[in-house]
Amino acid sequence: MYISKPVPNYVPSLGGIKNIEGQMLPKIKQTLMEKLSSKIPEKMEEEGGLKVKCTSVEPGDQGDFFFGLIKELKMIKL
């Protein structure tokens, strides 16, 4: 007869699930942003022959990035 011992609960010692999510979600987000900024241009060129530049930017920085890019493009004579 086998009697199993209870598995220790390690979650409270790590600060709970919210703490784990707080540590993992930023890493997942950063990895996803990096992968998408390289995969999207690859797919666009592969699927449609379109060369694009893709930059990942934190949501809070998107406005500054966008208007900075517009200002930069206005300086270029097309």
PDB file of N, CA and C in Angstrom:
ATOM      1  N   MET A   1       0.835  -1.169   0.000  1.00  0.00           N
ATOM      2  CA  MET A   1       0.000   0.000   0.000  1.00  0.00           C
ATOM      3  C   MET A   1       0.890   1.245   0.000  1.00  0.00           C
ATOM      4  N   TYR A   2       0.561   2.223  -0.879  1.00  0.00           N
ATOM      5  CA  TYR A   2       1.344   3.442  -1.003  1.00  0.00           C
ATOM      6  C   TYR A   2       0.560   4.597  -0.407  1.00  0.00           C
ATOM      7  N   ILE A   3       1.174   5.314   0.495  1.00  0.00           N
ATOM      8  CA  ILE A   3       0.545   6.493   1.088  1.00  0.00           C
ATOM      9  C   ILE A   3       1.352   7.697   0.620  1.00  0.00           C
ATOM     10  N   SER A   4       0.675   8.567  -0.098  1.00  0.00           N
ATOM     11  CA  SER A   4       1.385   9.742  -0.611  1.00  0.00           C
ATOM     12  C   SER A   4       1.430  10.840   0.436  1.00  0.00           C
ATOM     13  N   LYS A   5       2.515  11.551   0.414  1.00  0.00           N
ATOM     14  CA  LYS A   5       2.656  12.694   1.309  1.00  0.00           C
ATOM     15  C   LYS A   5       2.094  13.920   0.589  1.00  0.00           C
ATOM     16  N   PRO A   6       1.520  14.820   1.324  1.00  0.00           N
ATOM     17  CA  PRO A   6       1.003  16.026   0.653  1.00  0.00           C
ATOM     18  C   PRO A   6       2.149  16.835   0.040  1.00  0.00           C
ATOM     19  N   VAL A   7       1.887  17.357  -1.120  1.00  0.00           N
ATOM     20  CA  VAL A   7       2.871  18.178  -1.815  1.00  0.00           C
ATOM     21  C   VAL A   7       2.882  19.548  -1.151  1.00  0.00           C
ATOM     22  N   PRO A   8       4.064  20.031  -0.793  1.00  0.00           N
ATOM     23  CA  PRO A   8       4.105  21.351  -0.146  1.00  0.00           C
ATOM     24  C   PRO A   8       3.617  22.443  -1.094  1.00  0.00           C
ATOM     25  N   ASN A   9       2.953  23.411  -0.544  1.00  0.00           N
ATOM     26  CA  ASN A   9       2.432  24.515  -1.335  1.00  0.00           C
ATOM     27  C   ASN A   9       3.492  25.609  -1.391  1.00  0.00           C
ATOM     28  N   TYR A  10       4.158  25.734  -2.539  1.00  0.00           N
ATOM     29  CA  TYR A  10       5.245  26.696  -2.685  1.00  0.00           C
ATOM     30  C   TYR A  10       4.754  28.088  -3.071  1.00  0.00           C
ATOM     31  N   VAL A  11       3.524  28.188  -3.528  1.00  0.00           N
ATOM     32  CA  VAL A  11       3.026  29.478  -3.997  1.00  0.00           C
ATOM     33  C   VAL A  11       3.068  30.546  -2.902  1.00  0.00           C
ATOM     34  N   PRO A  12       2.622  30.274  -1.685  1.00  0.00           N
ATOM     35  CA  PRO A  12       2.693  31.334  -0.671  1.00  0.00           C
ATOM     36  C   PRO A  12       4.115  31.798  -0.385  1.00  0.00           C
ATOM     37  N   SER A  13       5.080  30.900  -0.479  1.00  0.00           N
ATOM     38  CA  SER A  13       6.455  31.306  -0.209  1.00  0.00           C
ATOM     39  C   SER A  13       7.003  32.205  -1.313  1.00  0.00           C
ATOM     40  N   LEU A  14       6.391  32.187  -2.468  1.00  0.00           N
ATOM     41  CA  LEU A  14       6.832  33.046  -3.565  1.00  0.00           C
ATOM     42  C   LEU A  14       6.037  34.345  -3.620  1.00  0.00           C
ATOM     43  N   GLY A  15       5.109  34.510  -2.705  1.00  0.00           N
ATOM     44  CA  GLY A  15       4.327  35.736  -2.691  1.00  0.00           C
ATOM     45  C   GLY A  15       2.987  35.594  -3.378  1.00  0.00           C
ATOM     46  N   GLY A  16       2.593  34.422  -3.705  1.00  0.00           N
ATOM     47  CA  GLY A  16       1.284  34.198  -4.308  1.00  0.00           C
ATOM     48  C   GLY A  16       1.299  34.287  -5.817  1.00  0.00           C
ATOM     49  N   ILE A  17       0.173  33.944  -6.368  1.00  0.00           N
ATOM     50  CA  ILE A  17       0.020  33.902  -7.828  1.00  0.00           C
ATOM     51  C   ILE A  17       0.169  35.298  -8.432  1.00  0.00           C
ATOM     52  N   LYS A  18      -0.347  36.312  -7.775  1.00  0.00           N
ATOM     53  CA  LYS A  18      -0.224  37.678  -8.308  1.00  0.00           C
ATOM     54  C   LYS A  18       1.240  38.088  -8.443  1.00  0.00           C
ATOM     55  N   ASN A  19       2.063  37.692  -7.494  1.00  0.00           N
ATOM     56  CA  ASN A  19       3.489  38.007  -7.561  1.00  0.00           C
ATOM     57  C   ASN A  19       4.146  37.272  -8.724  1.00  0.00           C
ATOM     58  N   ILE A  20       3.774  36.014  -8.905  1.00  0.00           N
ATOM     59  CA  ILE A  20       4.322  35.229 -10.020  1.00  0.00           C
ATOM     60  C   ILE A  20       3.910  35.855 -11.344  1.00  0.00           C
ATOM     61  N   GLU A  21       2.620  36.223 -11.459  1.00  0.00           N
ATOM     62  CA  GLU A  21       2.148  36.869 -12.684  1.00  0.00           C
ATOM     63  C   GLU A  21       2.886  38.186 -12.899  1.00  0.00           C
ATOM     64  N   GLY A  22       3.082  38.933 -11.818  1.00  0.00           N
ATOM     65  CA  GLY A  22       3.776  40.207 -11.921  1.00  0.00           C
ATOM     66  C   GLY A  22       5.207  40.064 -12.403  1.00  0.00           C
ATOM     67  N   GLN A  23       5.817  38.930 -12.108  1.00  0.00           N
ATOM     68  CA  GLN A  23       7.186  38.691 -12.551  1.00  0.00           C
ATOM     69  C   GLN A  23       7.226  38.128 -13.968  1.00  0.00           C
ATOM     70  N   MET A  24       6.265  37.287 -14.303  1.00  0.00           N
ATOM     71  CA  MET A  24       6.296  36.602 -15.603  1.00  0.00           C
ATOM     72  C   MET A  24       5.714  37.437 -16.736  1.00  0.00           C
ATOM     73  N   LEU A  25       4.620  38.154 -16.490  1.00  0.00           N
ATOM     74  CA  LEU A  25       3.959  38.879 -17.570  1.00  0.00           C
ATOM     75  C   LEU A  25       4.849  39.906 -18.255  1.00  0.00           C
ATOM     76  N   PRO A  26       5.639  40.700 -17.531  1.00  0.00           N
ATOM     77  CA  PRO A  26       6.532  41.631 -18.246  1.00  0.00           C
ATOM     78  C   PRO A  26       7.555  40.912 -19.131  1.00  0.00           C
ATOM     79  N   LYS A  27       8.047  39.766 -18.678  1.00  0.00           N
ATOM     80  CA  LYS A  27       9.010  39.001 -19.489  1.00  0.00           C
ATOM     81  C   LYS A  27       8.342  38.440 -20.732  1.00  0.00           C
ATOM     82  N   ILE A  28       7.126  37.928 -20.566  1.00  0.00           N
ATOM     83  CA  ILE A  28       6.380  37.387 -21.706  1.00  0.00           C
ATOM     84  C   ILE A  28       6.081  38.501 -22.702  1.00  0.00           C
ATOM     85  N   LYS A  29       5.650  39.649 -22.194  1.00  0.00           N
ATOM     86  CA  LYS A  29       5.329  40.793 -23.050  1.00  0.00           C
ATOM     87  C   LYS A  29       6.557  41.238 -23.839  1.00  0.00           C
ATOM     88  N   GLN A  30       7.695  41.358 -23.165  1.00  0.00           N
ATOM     89  CA  GLN A  30       8.926  41.795 -23.826  1.00  0.00           C
ATOM     90  C   GLN A  30       9.345  40.811 -24.916  1.00  0.00           C
ATOM     91  N   THR A  31       9.278  39.530 -24.610  1.00  0.00           N
ATOM     92  CA  THR A  31       9.641  38.503 -25.591  1.00  0.00           C
ATOM     93  C   THR A  31       8.703  38.551 -26.789  1.00  0.00           C
ATOM     94  N   LEU A  32       7.421  38.706 -26.532  1.00  0.00           N
ATOM     95  CA  LEU A  32       6.436  38.775 -27.613  1.00  0.00           C
ATOM     96  C   LEU A  32       6.668  40.010 -28.485  1.00  0.00           C
ATOM     97  N   MET A  33       6.934  41.138 -27.854  1.00  0.00           N
ATOM     98  CA  MET A  33       7.195  42.362 -28.618  1.00  0.00           C
ATOM     99  C   MET A  33       8.426  42.203 -29.506  1.00  0.00           C
ATOM    100  N   GLU A  34       9.478  41.597 -28.986  1.00  0.00           N
ATOM    101  CA  GLU A  34      10.697  41.397 -29.767  1.00  0.00           C
ATOM    102  C   GLU A  34      10.460  40.449 -30.932  1.00  0.00           C
ATOM    103  N   LYS A  35       9.746  39.353 -30.665  1.00  0.00           N
ATOM    104  CA  LYS A  35       9.494  38.375 -31.726  1.00  0.00           C
ATOM    105  C   LYS A  35       8.606  38.949 -32.815  1.00  0.00           C
ATOM    106  N   LEU A  36       7.548  39.671 -32.425  1.00  0.00           N
ATOM    107  CA  LEU A  36       6.646  40.228 -33.428  1.00  0.00           C
ATOM    108  C   LEU A  36       7.330  41.285 -34.281  1.00  0.00           C
ATOM    109  N   SER A  37       8.209  42.069 -33.675  1.00  0.00           N
ATOM    110  CA  SER A  37       8.875  43.118 -34.456  1.00  0.00           C
ATOM    111  C   SER A  37       9.849  42.546 -35.475  1.00  0.00           C
ATOM    112  N   SER A  38      10.226  41.291 -35.325  1.00  0.00           N
ATOM    113  CA  SER A  38      11.072  40.660 -36.348  1.00  0.00           C
ATOM    114  C   SER A  38      10.250  39.760 -37.269  1.00  0.00           C
ATOM    115  N   LYS A  39       9.225  39.129 -36.739  1.00  0.00           N
ATOM    116  CA  LYS A  39       8.429  38.198 -37.550  1.00  0.00           C
ATOM    117  C   LYS A  39       7.501  38.914 -38.525  1.00  0.00           C
ATOM    118  N   ILE A  40       6.920  40.039 -38.122  1.00  0.00           N
ATOM    119  CA  ILE A  40       5.986  40.750 -39.008  1.00  0.00           C
ATOM    120  C   ILE A  40       6.666  41.185 -40.304  1.00  0.00           C
ATOM    121  N   PRO A  41       7.833  41.840 -40.247  1.00  0.00           N
ATOM    122  CA  PRO A  41       8.491  42.195 -41.516  1.00  0.00           C
ATOM    123  C   PRO A  41       8.841  40.981 -42.374  1.00  0.00           C
ATOM    124  N   GLU A  42       9.275  39.899 -41.726  1.00  0.00           N
ATOM    125  CA  GLU A  42       9.594  38.683 -42.481  1.00  0.00           C
ATOM    126  C   GLU A  42       8.363  38.172 -43.225  1.00  0.00           C
ATOM    127  N   LYS A  43       7.232  38.092 -42.532  1.00  0.00           N
ATOM    128  CA  LYS A  43       5.993  37.596 -43.145  1.00  0.00           C
ATOM    129  C   LYS A  43       5.501  38.524 -44.241  1.00  0.00           C
ATOM    130  N   MET A  44       5.588  39.846 -44.005  1.00  0.00           N
ATOM    131  CA  MET A  44       5.124  40.802 -45.008  1.00  0.00           C
ATOM    132  C   MET A  44       5.925  40.669 -46.301  1.00  0.00           C
ATOM    133  N   GLU A  45       7.235  40.470 -46.166  1.00  0.00           N
ATOM    134  CA  GLU A  45       8.060  40.323 -47.365  1.00  0.00           C
ATOM    135  C   GLU A  45       7.816  38.972 -48.021  1.00  0.00           C
ATOM    136  N   GLU A  46       7.704  37.950 -47.201  1.00  0.00           N
ATOM    137  CA  GLU A  46       7.492  36.594 -47.714  1.00  0.00           C
ATOM    138  C   GLU A  46       6.132  36.458 -48.402  1.00  0.00           C
ATOM    139  N   GLU A  47       5.098  36.949 -47.770  1.00  0.00           N
ATOM    140  CA  GLU A  47       3.732  36.772 -48.280  1.00  0.00           C
ATOM    141  C   GLU A  47       3.365  37.766 -49.379  1.00  0.00           C
ATOM    142  N   GLY A  48       3.788  39.019 -49.229  1.00  0.00           N
ATOM    143  CA  GLY A  48       3.342  40.034 -50.173  1.00  0.00           C
ATOM    144  C   GLY A  48       4.437  40.784 -50.887  1.00  0.00           C
ATOM    145  N   GLY A  49       5.689  40.445 -50.592  1.00  0.00           N
ATOM    146  CA  GLY A  49       6.798  41.136 -51.242  1.00  0.00           C
ATOM    147  C   GLY A  49       6.970  42.567 -50.767  1.00  0.00           C
ATOM    148  N   LEU A  50       6.417  42.880 -49.609  1.00  0.00           N
ATOM    149  CA  LEU A  50       6.462  44.230 -49.077  1.00  0.00           C
ATOM    150  C   LEU A  50       7.529  44.331 -47.994  1.00  0.00           C
ATOM    151  N   LYS A  51       8.451  45.271 -48.164  1.00  0.00           N
ATOM    152  CA  LYS A  51       9.488  45.467 -47.152  1.00  0.00           C
ATOM    153  C   LYS A  51       9.005  46.526 -46.163  1.00  0.00           C
ATOM    154  N   VAL A  52       8.960  46.148 -44.903  1.00  0.00           N
ATOM    155  CA  VAL A  52       8.514  47.073 -43.860  1.00  0.00           C
ATOM    156  C   VAL A  52       9.501  47.048 -42.701  1.00  0.00           C
ATOM    157  N   LYS A  53       9.465  48.122 -41.935  1.00  0.00           N
ATOM    158  CA  LYS A  53      10.231  48.183 -40.702  1.00  0.00           C
ATOM    159  C   LYS A  53       9.216  48.182 -39.570  1.00  0.00           C
ATOM    160  N   CYS A  54       9.424  47.327 -38.602  1.00  0.00           N
ATOM    161  CA  CYS A  54       8.493  47.192 -37.490  1.00  0.00           C
ATOM    162  C   CYS A  54       9.255  47.419 -36.188  1.00  0.00           C
ATOM    163  N   THR A  55       8.754  48.340 -35.388  1.00  0.00           N
ATOM    164  CA  THR A  55       9.385  48.657 -34.115  1.00  0.00           C
ATOM    165  C   THR A  55       8.377  48.440 -33.003  1.00  0.00           C
ATOM    166  N   SER A  56       8.773  47.718 -31.982  1.00  0.00           N
ATOM    167  CA  SER A  56       7.873  47.516 -30.845  1.00  0.00           C
ATOM    168  C   SER A  56       8.123  48.616 -29.825  1.00  0.00           C
ATOM    169  N   VAL A  57       7.029  49.196 -29.346  1.00  0.00           N
ATOM    170  CA  VAL A  57       7.098  50.311 -28.415  1.00  0.00           C
ATOM    171  C   VAL A  57       6.085  50.073 -27.301  1.00  0.00           C
ATOM    172  N   GLU A  58       6.475  50.376 -26.083  1.00  0.00           N
ATOM    173  CA  GLU A  58       5.560  50.265 -24.950  1.00  0.00           C
ATOM    174  C   GLU A  58       4.347  51.163 -25.200  1.00  0.00           C
ATOM    175  N   PRO A  59       3.165  50.747 -24.772  1.00  0.00           N
ATOM    176  CA  PRO A  59       1.957  51.556 -25.016  1.00  0.00           C
ATOM    177  C   PRO A  59       2.093  53.015 -24.554  1.00  0.00           C
ATOM    178  N   GLY A  60       2.703  53.240 -23.420  1.00  0.00           N
ATOM    179  CA  GLY A  60       2.857  54.603 -22.920  1.00  0.00           C
ATOM    180  C   GLY A  60       3.801  55.458 -23.737  1.00  0.00           C
ATOM    181  N   ASP A  61       4.617  54.841 -24.575  1.00  0.00           N
ATOM    182  CA  ASP A  61       5.599  55.562 -25.394  1.00  0.00           C
ATOM    183  C   ASP A  61       5.172  55.696 -26.851  1.00  0.00           C
ATOM    184  N   GLN A  62       4.017  55.137 -27.203  1.00  0.00           N
ATOM    185  CA  GLN A  62       3.607  55.109 -28.606  1.00  0.00           C
ATOM    186  C   GLN A  62       3.369  56.497 -29.186  1.00  0.00           C
ATOM    187  N   GLY A  63       2.759  57.374 -28.422  1.00  0.00           N
ATOM    188  CA  GLY A  63       2.484  58.725 -28.925  1.00  0.00           C
ATOM    189  C   GLY A  63       3.767  59.470 -29.243  1.00  0.00           C
ATOM    190  N   ASP A  64       4.701  59.474 -28.288  1.00  0.00           N
ATOM    191  CA  ASP A  64       5.983  60.145 -28.510  1.00  0.00           C
ATOM    192  C   ASP A  64       6.723  59.540 -29.691  1.00  0.00           C
ATOM    193  N   PHE A  65       6.687  58.210 -29.796  1.00  0.00           N
ATOM    194  CA  PHE A  65       7.361  57.531 -30.907  1.00  0.00           C
ATOM    195  C   PHE A  65       6.740  57.945 -32.237  1.00  0.00           C
ATOM    196  N   PHE A  66       5.412  57.919 -32.298  1.00  0.00           N
ATOM    197  CA  PHE A  66       4.705  58.230 -33.539  1.00  0.00           C
ATOM    198  C   PHE A  66       4.984  59.659 -34.000  1.00  0.00           C
ATOM    199  N   PHE A  67       4.801  60.611 -33.084  1.00  0.00           N
ATOM    200  CA  PHE A  67       4.995  62.000 -33.481  1.00  0.00           C
ATOM    201  C   PHE A  67       6.465  62.323 -33.737  1.00  0.00           C
ATOM    202  N   GLY A  68       7.359  61.648 -33.060  1.00  0.00           N
ATOM    203  CA  GLY A  68       8.786  61.799 -33.343  1.00  0.00           C
ATOM    204  C   GLY A  68       9.117  61.288 -34.733  1.00  0.00           C
ATOM    205  N   LEU A  69       8.503  60.181 -35.121  1.00  0.00           N
ATOM    206  CA  LEU A  69       8.713  59.624 -36.459  1.00  0.00           C
ATOM    207  C   LEU A  69       8.150  60.548 -37.527  1.00  0.00           C
ATOM    208  N   ILE A  70       6.953  61.086 -37.289  1.00  0.00           N
ATOM    209  CA  ILE A  70       6.347  62.022 -38.244  1.00  0.00           C
ATOM    210  C   ILE A  70       7.259  63.244 -38.423  1.00  0.00           C
ATOM    211  N   LYS A  71       7.770  63.771 -37.312  1.00  0.00           N
ATOM    212  CA  LYS A  71       8.665  64.932 -37.380  1.00  0.00           C
ATOM    213  C   LYS A  71       9.917  64.588 -38.180  1.00  0.00           C
ATOM    214  N   GLU A  72      10.456  63.389 -37.941  1.00  0.00           N
ATOM    215  CA  GLU A  72      11.650  62.936 -38.650  1.00  0.00           C
ATOM    216  C   GLU A  72      11.367  62.784 -40.154  1.00  0.00           C
ATOM    217  N   LEU A  73      10.210  62.249 -40.499  1.00  0.00           N
ATOM    218  CA  LEU A  73       9.861  62.056 -41.903  1.00  0.00           C
ATOM    219  C   LEU A  73       9.644  63.385 -42.622  1.00  0.00           C
ATOM    220  N   LYS A  74       9.146  64.376 -41.899  1.00  0.00           N
ATOM    221  CA  LYS A  74       8.947  65.693 -42.515  1.00  0.00           C
ATOM    222  C   LYS A  74      10.269  66.341 -42.893  1.00  0.00           C
ATOM    223  N   MET A  75      11.338  65.972 -42.214  1.00  0.00           N
ATOM    224  CA  MET A  75      12.661  66.519 -42.507  1.00  0.00           C
ATOM    225  C   MET A  75      13.267  65.909 -43.755  1.00  0.00           C
ATOM    226  N   ILE A  76      12.761  64.753 -44.155  1.00  0.00           N
ATOM    227  CA  ILE A  76      13.281  64.068 -45.345  1.00  0.00           C
ATOM    228  C   ILE A  76      12.530  64.582 -46.582  1.00  0.00           C
ATOM    229  N   LYS A  77      13.262  65.045 -47.551  1.00  0.00           N
ATOM    230  CA  LYS A  77      12.647  65.505 -48.808  1.00  0.00           C
ATOM    231  C   LYS A  77      12.413  64.299 -49.711  1.00  0.00           C
ATOM    232  N   LEU A  78      11.169  64.041 -50.017  1.00  0.00           N
ATOM    233  CA  LEU A  78      10.826  62.919 -50.896  1.00  0.00           C
ATOM    234  C   LEU A  78      10.653  63.360 -52.304  1.00  0.00           C
TER     235      LEU A  78
END
